């Protein structure tokens, strides 16, 4: 009977211990949610698991485990830097760097760099890229779109070469704003003003040339018209006009050609004839 009782006691103790263990683990259990565009990193007893947690609900015991949620979406890092150009002029640049850490790289970044990878790695490399690339260009390159695009592409290539192997993917580099040196800004404004004045003078010159062409064309038209009219007036035409004038009762002045090419004026002939006194009136 005694051995049977002892076995029952041992079984009861084991069941109690099991229930106690389940209660302890259940009471201390926690849950962490991982959304789309995120990845989870779990560690048990301080050792990070090699596989990232996928979106969903994940249970863990905070006494022995922890879970970090990492953003895998595209993020923006804004940097402002004062950098010298190839001429030694200091310009202020506002730069945006678009980046992300893919879900399959979060564990690598967490183990090799840590959770503060932006402050510890990305920002220093971004500042170095700005200084190294911009210093090789003249200030005027920052003022035009083609130059700014070329600078952005070189900065992107520099960052990708430094960060791709570390698990940080740089997607694009954008130059948001460029503040040029005061002296250079004044010279650019003067240059633009001079170009505008030059364009205005060129416009006025072309307008004057066009107006002159119009006046010449008008003069040519008048000359050709006069030439046609003078060519059509001959002695017979003038005689015809004279005869028409003689037959008219209106007072007219008619010029007729003579053999000496001296005009003779026939004026108010009929009026003088009618107003002359008769012998009886005299």
Protein backbone atom coordinates (compact mmCIF):
# COMPACT_ATOMS: atom_id res chain seq x y z
CA UNK A 1 0.00 0.00 0.00
CA UNK A 2 2.85 2.39 0.80
CA UNK A 3 4.54 2.21 -2.62
CA UNK A 4 1.18 2.86 -4.26
CA UNK A 5 0.60 5.89 -2.10
CA UNK A 6 4.07 7.23 -2.87
CA UNK A 7 3.52 6.92 -6.61
CA UNK A 8 0.24 8.77 -6.32
CA UNK A 9 1.93 11.53 -4.37
CA UNK A 10 4.65 11.89 -6.99
CA UNK A 11 2.12 12.02 -9.77
CA UNK A 12 0.17 14.70 -7.92
CA UNK A 13 3.33 16.73 -7.36
CA UNK A 14 4.27 16.53 -11.04
CA UNK A 15 0.82 17.66 -12.07
CA UNK A 16 0.97 20.56 -9.64
CA UNK A 17 4.38 21.62 -10.93
CA UNK A 18 3.11 21.43 -14.52
CA UNK A 19 0.06 23.50 -13.70
CA UNK A 20 2.22 26.04 -11.87
CA UNK A 21 4.60 26.27 -14.83
CA UNK A 22 1.71 26.77 -17.26
CA UNK A 23 0.21 29.44 -15.02
CA UNK A 24 3.54 31.27 -14.70
CA UNK A 25 4.19 31.23 -18.43
CA UNK A 26 0.61 32.21 -19.24
CA UNK A 27 0.44 35.06 -16.78
CA UNK A 28 3.74 36.49 -18.05
CA UNK A 29 2.88 36.05 -21.72
CA UNK A 30 2.83 39.07 -24.00
CA UNK A 31 1.80 39.66 -27.60
CA UNK A 32 3.29 41.89 -30.29
CA UNK A 33 1.60 42.82 -33.54
CA UNK A 34 3.55 43.20 -36.80
CA UNK A 35 1.75 45.09 -39.57
CA UNK A 36 2.22 45.13 -43.32
CA UNK A 37 5.33 47.12 -44.19
CA UNK A 38 7.00 45.98 -40.97
CA UNK A 39 9.17 43.10 -39.84
CA UNK A 40 9.76 41.70 -36.36
CA UNK A 41 13.05 40.78 -34.72
CA UNK A 42 12.84 38.28 -31.84
CA UNK A 43 15.48 37.34 -29.32
CA UNK A 44 15.36 34.48 -26.78
CA UNK A 45 17.69 34.70 -23.80
CA UNK A 46 19.53 37.56 -25.55
CA UNK A 47 20.15 35.64 -28.81
CA UNK A 48 18.56 37.17 -31.91
CA UNK A 49 16.78 34.71 -34.15
CA UNK A 50 18.07 34.45 -37.70
CA UNK A 51 14.63 34.76 -39.29
CA UNK A 52 12.55 37.95 -39.16
CA UNK A 53 8.95 37.71 -37.98
CA UNK A 54 6.31 38.17 -40.63
CA UNK A 55 3.18 40.37 -40.28
CA UNK A 56 0.72 39.03 -37.72
CA UNK A 57 0.35 38.47 -33.96
CA UNK A 58 3.31 36.95 -32.11
CA UNK A 59 3.25 35.70 -28.50
CA UNK A 60 6.34 35.72 -26.30
CA UNK A 61 7.40 35.70 -22.69
CA UNK A 62 8.91 39.07 -21.83
CA UNK A 63 10.93 37.44 -19.03
CA UNK A 64 13.07 35.52 -21.47
CA UNK A 65 12.28 37.08 -24.88
CA UNK A 66 11.74 40.41 -26.60
CA UNK A 67 10.45 41.50 -29.99
CA UNK A 68 11.33 44.67 -31.91
CA UNK A 69 9.19 45.95 -34.78
CA UNK A 70 11.13 47.49 -37.69
CA UNK A 71 9.78 49.70 -40.45
CA UNK A 72 10.53 48.30 -43.92
CA UNK A 73 8.75 51.08 -45.85
CA UNK A 74 10.46 53.89 -47.72
CA UNK A 75 11.73 56.53 -45.31
CA UNK A 76 13.22 60.00 -45.77
CA UNK A 77 16.38 61.39 -44.22
CA UNK A 78 16.71 65.18 -44.48
CA UNK A 79 20.17 66.72 -44.33
CA UNK A 80 21.30 70.34 -44.48
CA UNK A 81 24.98 71.00 -45.10
CA UNK A 82 27.25 73.94 -45.86
CA UNK A 83 29.75 72.75 -48.43
CA UNK A 84 32.49 74.47 -50.47
CA UNK A 85 32.39 74.45 -54.26
CA UNK A 86 35.38 73.98 -56.54
CA UNK A 87 35.92 77.76 -56.38
CA UNK A 88 35.92 77.71 -52.58
CA UNK A 89 32.52 79.40 -52.23
CA UNK A 90 30.30 78.07 -49.44
CA UNK A 91 26.80 76.99 -50.45
CA UNK A 92 23.99 75.63 -48.28
CA UNK A 93 22.23 72.48 -49.52
CA UNK A 94 19.02 70.79 -48.35
CA UNK A 95 19.16 67.12 -49.34
CA UNK A 96 16.57 64.36 -49.02
CA UNK A 97 17.70 60.72 -49.03
CA UNK A 98 15.05 58.05 -49.64
CA UNK A 99 15.94 54.65 -48.17
CA UNK A 100 14.56 51.50 -46.58
CA UNK A 101 15.67 48.28 -44.89
CA UNK A 102 14.01 45.25 -46.57
CA UNK A 103 12.41 42.59 -44.40
CA UNK A 104 15.10 40.06 -45.28
CA UNK A 105 17.83 42.51 -44.16
CA UNK A 106 16.49 43.70 -40.80
CA UNK A 107 18.18 40.91 -38.84
CA UNK A 108 21.51 41.63 -40.54
CA UNK A 109 21.26 45.35 -39.75
CA UNK A 110 20.16 44.67 -36.15
CA UNK A 111 23.07 42.31 -35.50
CA UNK A 112 25.77 44.30 -37.32
CA UNK A 113 24.75 47.91 -36.60
CA UNK A 114 21.89 48.00 -34.14
CA UNK A 115 18.56 49.72 -33.97
CA UNK A 116 20.10 53.20 -34.35
CA UNK A 117 21.51 52.54 -37.79
CA UNK A 118 20.26 55.90 -39.16
CA UNK A 119 22.23 57.97 -36.65
CA UNK A 120 25.28 55.68 -36.55
CA UNK A 121 25.74 54.85 -40.25
CA UNK A 122 23.36 56.49 -42.68
CA UNK A 123 23.78 60.11 -41.55
CA UNK A 124 27.62 60.08 -41.51
CA UNK A 125 27.77 58.53 -44.98
CA UNK A 126 25.19 61.03 -46.27
CA UNK A 127 27.25 63.98 -45.02
CA UNK A 128 30.40 62.53 -46.52
CA UNK A 129 28.66 62.06 -49.87
CA UNK A 130 27.48 65.68 -49.87
CA UNK A 131 30.95 67.04 -49.10
CA UNK A 132 32.89 64.78 -51.48
CA UNK A 133 30.58 65.15 -54.48
CA UNK A 134 29.62 68.83 -54.27
CA UNK A 135 33.18 70.01 -53.68
CA UNK A 136 34.10 68.86 -57.19
CA UNK A 137 31.55 71.13 -58.91
CA UNK A 138 31.38 74.85 -59.58
CA UNK A 139 28.65 76.87 -57.92
CA UNK A 140 26.87 77.42 -61.23
CA UNK A 141 26.29 73.63 -61.46
CA UNK A 142 24.06 73.88 -58.40
CA UNK A 143 22.01 76.56 -60.14
CA UNK A 144 20.85 74.54 -63.16
CA UNK A 145 18.73 71.38 -63.27
CA UNK A 146 21.21 69.25 -65.23
CA UNK A 147 24.02 69.97 -62.78
CA UNK A 148 21.86 69.23 -59.74
CA UNK A 149 20.63 66.00 -61.28
CA UNK A 150 24.20 64.88 -62.00
CA UNK A 151 25.26 65.68 -58.43
CA UNK A 152 22.29 63.70 -57.07
CA UNK A 153 23.17 60.68 -59.21
CA UNK A 154 26.79 60.69 -58.03
CA UNK A 155 25.70 60.95 -54.41
CA UNK A 156 23.30 58.04 -54.95
CA UNK A 157 26.06 55.88 -56.44
CA UNK A 158 28.36 56.72 -53.51
CA UNK A 159 25.77 55.78 -50.88
CA UNK A 160 24.71 52.58 -52.62
CA UNK A 161 28.35 51.47 -52.81
CA UNK A 162 28.79 52.08 -49.06
CA UNK A 163 25.45 50.85 -47.69
CA UNK A 164 24.05 48.08 -49.92
CA UNK A 165 26.26 45.40 -48.33
CA UNK A 166 25.21 46.60 -44.86
CA UNK A 167 21.53 45.97 -45.67
CA UNK A 168 20.49 49.63 -46.06
CA UNK A 169 19.02 50.29 -49.51
CA UNK A 170 19.26 53.90 -50.73
CA UNK A 171 16.60 54.51 -53.38
CA UNK A 172 17.18 58.11 -54.43
CA UNK A 173 18.93 61.37 -53.51
CA UNK A 174 17.10 64.65 -54.07
CA UNK A 175 18.49 68.18 -53.84
CA UNK A 176 15.50 70.03 -52.39
CA UNK A 177 17.01 73.51 -52.06
CA UNK A 178 20.27 75.30 -52.79
CA UNK A 179 21.15 78.60 -51.14
CA UNK A 180 24.00 80.21 -53.03
CA UNK A 181 26.57 82.64 -51.59
CA UNK A 182 25.34 86.23 -51.39
CA UNK A 183 28.01 87.57 -53.74
CA UNK A 184 27.29 84.89 -56.31
CA UNK A 185 23.53 85.48 -56.04
CA UNK A 186 24.06 89.19 -56.77
CA UNK A 187 26.25 88.41 -59.78
CA UNK A 188 23.65 85.96 -61.12
CA UNK A 189 20.89 88.56 -60.71
CA UNK A 190 23.02 91.14 -62.55
CA UNK A 191 23.73 88.65 -65.30
CA UNK A 192 20.05 87.80 -65.68
CA UNK A 193 19.16 91.48 -65.74
CA UNK A 194 21.80 92.13 -68.43
CA UNK A 195 20.49 89.20 -70.47
CA UNK A 196 16.93 90.52 -70.21
CA UNK A 197 18.07 93.98 -71.35
CA UNK A 198 19.97 92.40 -74.21
CA UNK A 199 16.88 90.43 -75.25
CA UNK A 200 14.80 93.63 -75.07
CA UNK A 201 17.26 95.54 -77.25
CA UNK A 202 17.42 92.69 -79.72
CA UNK A 203 13.63 92.69 -79.89
CA UNK A 204 13.55 96.44 -80.46
CA UNK A 205 16.22 96.13 -83.18
CA UNK A 206 14.25 93.43 -84.98
CA UNK A 207 11.10 95.51 -84.66
CA UNK A 208 12.88 98.58 -86.12
CA UNK A 209 14.23 96.50 -88.98
CA UNK A 210 10.76 95.14 -89.67
CA UNK A 211 9.26 98.66 -89.56
CA UNK A 212 11.95 99.86 -91.98
CA UNK A 213 11.17 96.98 -94.33
CA UNK A 214 7.50 97.96 -94.22
CA UNK A 215 8.30 101.62 -95.02
CA UNK A 216 10.58 100.57 -97.88
CA UNK A 217 7.86 98.33 -99.25
CA UNK A 218 5.38 101.20 -99.05
CA UNK A 219 7.79 103.58 -100.78
CA UNK A 220 8.42 101.04 -103.51
CA UNK A 221 4.67 100.65 -103.96
CA UNK A 222 4.17 104.41 -104.24
CA UNK A 223 7.08 104.74 -106.67
CA UNK A 224 5.78 101.93 -108.82
CA UNK A 225 2.29 103.48 -108.73
CA UNK A 226 3.64 106.88 -109.79
CA UNK A 227 5.68 105.25 -112.49
CA UNK A 228 2.61 103.46 -113.84
CA UNK A 229 0.53 106.67 -113.73
CA UNK A 230 3.23 108.78 -115.39
CA UNK A 231 3.72 106.15 -118.04
CA UNK A 232 0.02 106.15 -118.87
CA UNK A 233 -0.24 110.00 -119.25
CA UNK A 234 0.79 111.10 -122.78
CA UNK A 235 0.00 114.01 -125.13
CA UNK A 236 -3.11 112.40 -126.59
CA UNK A 237 -4.52 111.74 -123.10
CA UNK A 238 -3.94 115.36 -122.09
CA UNK A 239 -5.59 116.63 -125.29
CA UNK A 240 -8.55 114.41 -124.50
CA UNK A 241 -8.83 115.92 -121.04
CA UNK A 242 -8.56 119.42 -122.54
CA UNK A 243 -11.35 118.77 -124.99
CA UNK A 244 -13.52 117.40 -122.23
CA UNK A 245 -12.83 120.51 -120.22
CA UNK A 246 -13.79 122.82 -123.09
CA UNK A 247 -17.09 121.03 -123.44
CA UNK A 248 -17.81 121.36 -119.73
CA UNK A 249 -19.46 124.43 -118.22
CA UNK A 250 -17.60 124.10 -114.96
CA UNK A 251 -14.66 126.30 -114.22
CA UNK A 252 -11.52 124.28 -114.64
CA UNK A 253 -7.81 124.66 -114.97
CA UNK A 254 -6.33 122.45 -117.62
CA UNK A 255 -2.65 122.00 -118.40
CA UNK A 256 -1.83 121.03 -121.97
CA UNK A 257 1.55 120.19 -123.42
CA UNK A 258 3.13 122.36 -126.10
CA UNK A 259 5.94 121.83 -128.51
CA UNK A 260 8.33 123.52 -126.09
CA UNK A 261 7.03 121.36 -123.23
CA UNK A 262 5.83 124.57 -121.47
CA UNK A 263 2.33 124.22 -119.96
CA UNK A 264 -0.32 126.77 -120.93
CA UNK A 265 -3.11 127.40 -118.43
CA UNK A 266 -6.63 127.66 -119.83
CA UNK A 267 -8.59 129.06 -116.94
CA UNK A 268 -12.17 130.36 -116.73
CA UNK A 269 -12.33 130.92 -120.49
CA UNK A 270 -16.08 130.64 -120.68
CA UNK A 271 -16.63 132.79 -117.61
CA UNK A 272 -14.48 135.58 -119.03
CA UNK A 273 -16.26 135.36 -122.36
CA UNK A 274 -19.69 135.70 -120.76
CA UNK A 275 -18.62 138.61 -118.54
CA UNK A 276 -16.96 140.68 -121.32
CA UNK A 277 -18.94 143.96 -122.07
CA UNK A 278 -20.77 144.28 -125.38
CA UNK A 279 -20.32 147.31 -127.70
CA UNK A 280 -23.75 148.58 -126.76
CA UNK A 281 -22.92 148.45 -123.08
CA UNK A 282 -19.76 150.36 -123.76
